[in-house]
Amino acid sequence: ADANCDIQDISQKLLGEYYTMILLFDISNSSKDLNEIQNEMKALSDSSNIKIYLQHEDIFNKMHRI
């Protein structure tokens, strides 16, 4: 919300003992670019002892076509 991003889709799944969540969100109305948002998520990840991976949709799509 602080970055003015709009969540487009959410999926959640248990993978073994791990809870996973995939969010697709639109940053076109954000005053922050992808790198700034990635850095903020990295800081949150480090302070919360969780893993957050943030990547551009193009990379995600290409990874799942292989």
C-alpha atoms as a PDB file:
ATOM      1  CA  ALA A   1       0.000   0.000   0.000  1.00  0.00           C
ATOM      2  CA  ASP A   2       2.854   2.412   0.793  1.00  0.00           C
ATOM      3  CA  ALA A   3       4.174   1.927  -2.747  1.00  0.00           C
ATOM      4  CA  ASN A   4       0.703   2.439  -4.286  1.00  0.00           C
ATOM      5  CA  CYS A   5       0.711  -1.003  -5.933  1.00  0.00           C
ATOM      6  CA  ASP A   6      -2.452  -2.816  -6.978  1.00  0.00           C
ATOM      7  CA  ILE A   7      -2.717  -6.565  -6.274  1.00  0.00           C
ATOM      8  CA  GLN A   8      -4.099  -8.282  -9.380  1.00  0.00           C
ATOM      9  CA  ASP A   9      -4.002 -11.936  -8.295  1.00  0.00           C
ATOM     10  CA  ILE A  10      -2.997 -14.085  -5.309  1.00  0.00           C
ATOM     11  CA  SER A  11      -2.379 -17.818  -5.080  1.00  0.00           C
ATOM     12  CA  GLN A  12      -1.407 -19.729  -1.956  1.00  0.00           C
ATOM     13  CA  LYS A  13      -0.133 -23.259  -1.499  1.00  0.00           C
ATOM     14  CA  LEU A  14       1.546 -25.533   0.999  1.00  0.00           C
ATOM     15  CA  LEU A  15       4.698 -27.092  -0.446  1.00  0.00           C
ATOM     16  CA  GLY A  16       5.661 -29.706   2.089  1.00  0.00           C
ATOM     17  CA  GLU A  17       6.192 -27.778   5.290  1.00  0.00           C
ATOM     18  CA  TYR A  18       6.397 -24.424   3.503  1.00  0.00           C
ATOM     19  CA  TYR A  19       3.576 -21.946   3.016  1.00  0.00           C
ATOM     20  CA  THR A  20       3.959 -20.131  -0.307  1.00  0.00           C
ATOM     21  CA  MET A  21       2.139 -17.165  -1.750  1.00  0.00           C
ATOM     22  CA  ILE A  22       2.402 -15.747  -5.245  1.00  0.00           C
ATOM     23  CA  LEU A  23       1.127 -12.237  -5.832  1.00  0.00           C
ATOM     24  CA  LEU A  24       0.769 -10.528  -9.156  1.00  0.00           C
ATOM     25  CA  PHE A  25       0.660  -6.789  -8.718  1.00  0.00           C
ATOM     26  CA  ASP A  26       0.669  -3.695 -10.879  1.00  0.00           C
ATOM     27  CA  ILE A  27       3.239  -1.000 -10.079  1.00  0.00           C
ATOM     28  CA  SER A  28       2.342   1.349 -12.949  1.00  0.00           C
ATOM     29  CA  ASN A  29       0.746   3.860 -10.531  1.00  0.00           C
ATOM     30  CA  SER A  30       3.594   3.656  -8.037  1.00  0.00           C
ATOM     31  CA  SER A  31       6.048   6.481  -7.510  1.00  0.00           C
ATOM     32  CA  LYS A  32       8.644   3.763  -6.862  1.00  0.00           C
ATOM     33  CA  ASP A  33      10.352   1.638  -9.480  1.00  0.00           C
ATOM     34  CA  LEU A  34      10.830  -2.132  -9.295  1.00  0.00           C
ATOM     35  CA  ASN A  35      14.318  -1.840  -7.761  1.00  0.00           C
ATOM     36  CA  GLU A  36      13.078   0.407  -4.950  1.00  0.00           C
ATOM     37  CA  ILE A  37      10.232  -1.990  -4.166  1.00  0.00           C
ATOM     38  CA  GLN A  38      12.631  -4.964  -4.291  1.00  0.00           C
ATOM     39  CA  ASN A  39      14.933  -3.226  -1.796  1.00  0.00           C
ATOM     40  CA  GLU A  40      12.043  -2.526   0.566  1.00  0.00           C
ATOM     41  CA  MET A  41      10.869  -6.150   0.352  1.00  0.00           C
ATOM     42  CA  LYS A  42      14.444  -7.345   1.012  1.00  0.00           C
ATOM     43  CA  ALA A  43      14.582  -5.244   4.189  1.00  0.00           C
ATOM     44  CA  LEU A  44      11.200  -6.615   5.290  1.00  0.00           C
ATOM     45  CA  SER A  45      12.315 -10.150   4.476  1.00  0.00           C
ATOM     46  CA  ASP A  46      15.530  -9.794   6.490  1.00  0.00           C
ATOM     47  CA  SER A  47      13.793  -8.289   9.511  1.00  0.00           C
ATOM     48  CA  SER A  48      10.912 -10.811   9.485  1.00  0.00           C
ATOM     49  CA  ASN A  49      12.924 -14.004   8.911  1.00  0.00           C
ATOM     50  CA  ILE A  50      10.907 -14.860   5.793  1.00  0.00           C
ATOM     51  CA  LYS A  51      11.847 -15.209   2.127  1.00  0.00           C
ATOM     52  CA  ILE A  52      10.469 -12.725  -0.382  1.00  0.00           C
ATOM     53  CA  TYR A  53      11.348 -12.982  -4.060  1.00  0.00           C
ATOM     54  CA  LEU A  54      10.207 -10.104  -6.232  1.00  0.00           C
ATOM     55  CA  GLN A  55      10.723 -10.247  -9.972  1.00  0.00           C
ATOM     56  CA  HIS A  56       9.341  -8.764 -13.152  1.00  0.00           C
ATOM     57  CA  GLU A  57       6.440 -10.674 -14.724  1.00  0.00           C
ATOM     58  CA  ASP A  58       8.443 -11.278 -17.919  1.00  0.00           C
ATOM     59  CA  ILE A  59      11.057 -13.258 -15.977  1.00  0.00           C
ATOM     60  CA  PHE A  60       8.368 -15.219 -14.127  1.00  0.00           C
ATOM     61  CA  ASN A  61       6.618 -16.116 -17.398  1.00  0.00           C
ATOM     62  CA  LYS A  62       9.837 -17.201 -19.108  1.00  0.00           C
ATOM     63  CA  MET A  63      10.834 -19.391 -16.139  1.00  0.00           C
ATOM     64  CA  HIS A  64       7.494 -21.202 -16.249  1.00  0.00           C
ATOM     65  CA  ARG A  65       7.666 -21.865 -19.987  1.00  0.00           C
ATOM     66  CA  ILE A  66      10.870 -23.889 -19.724  1.00  0.00           C
END
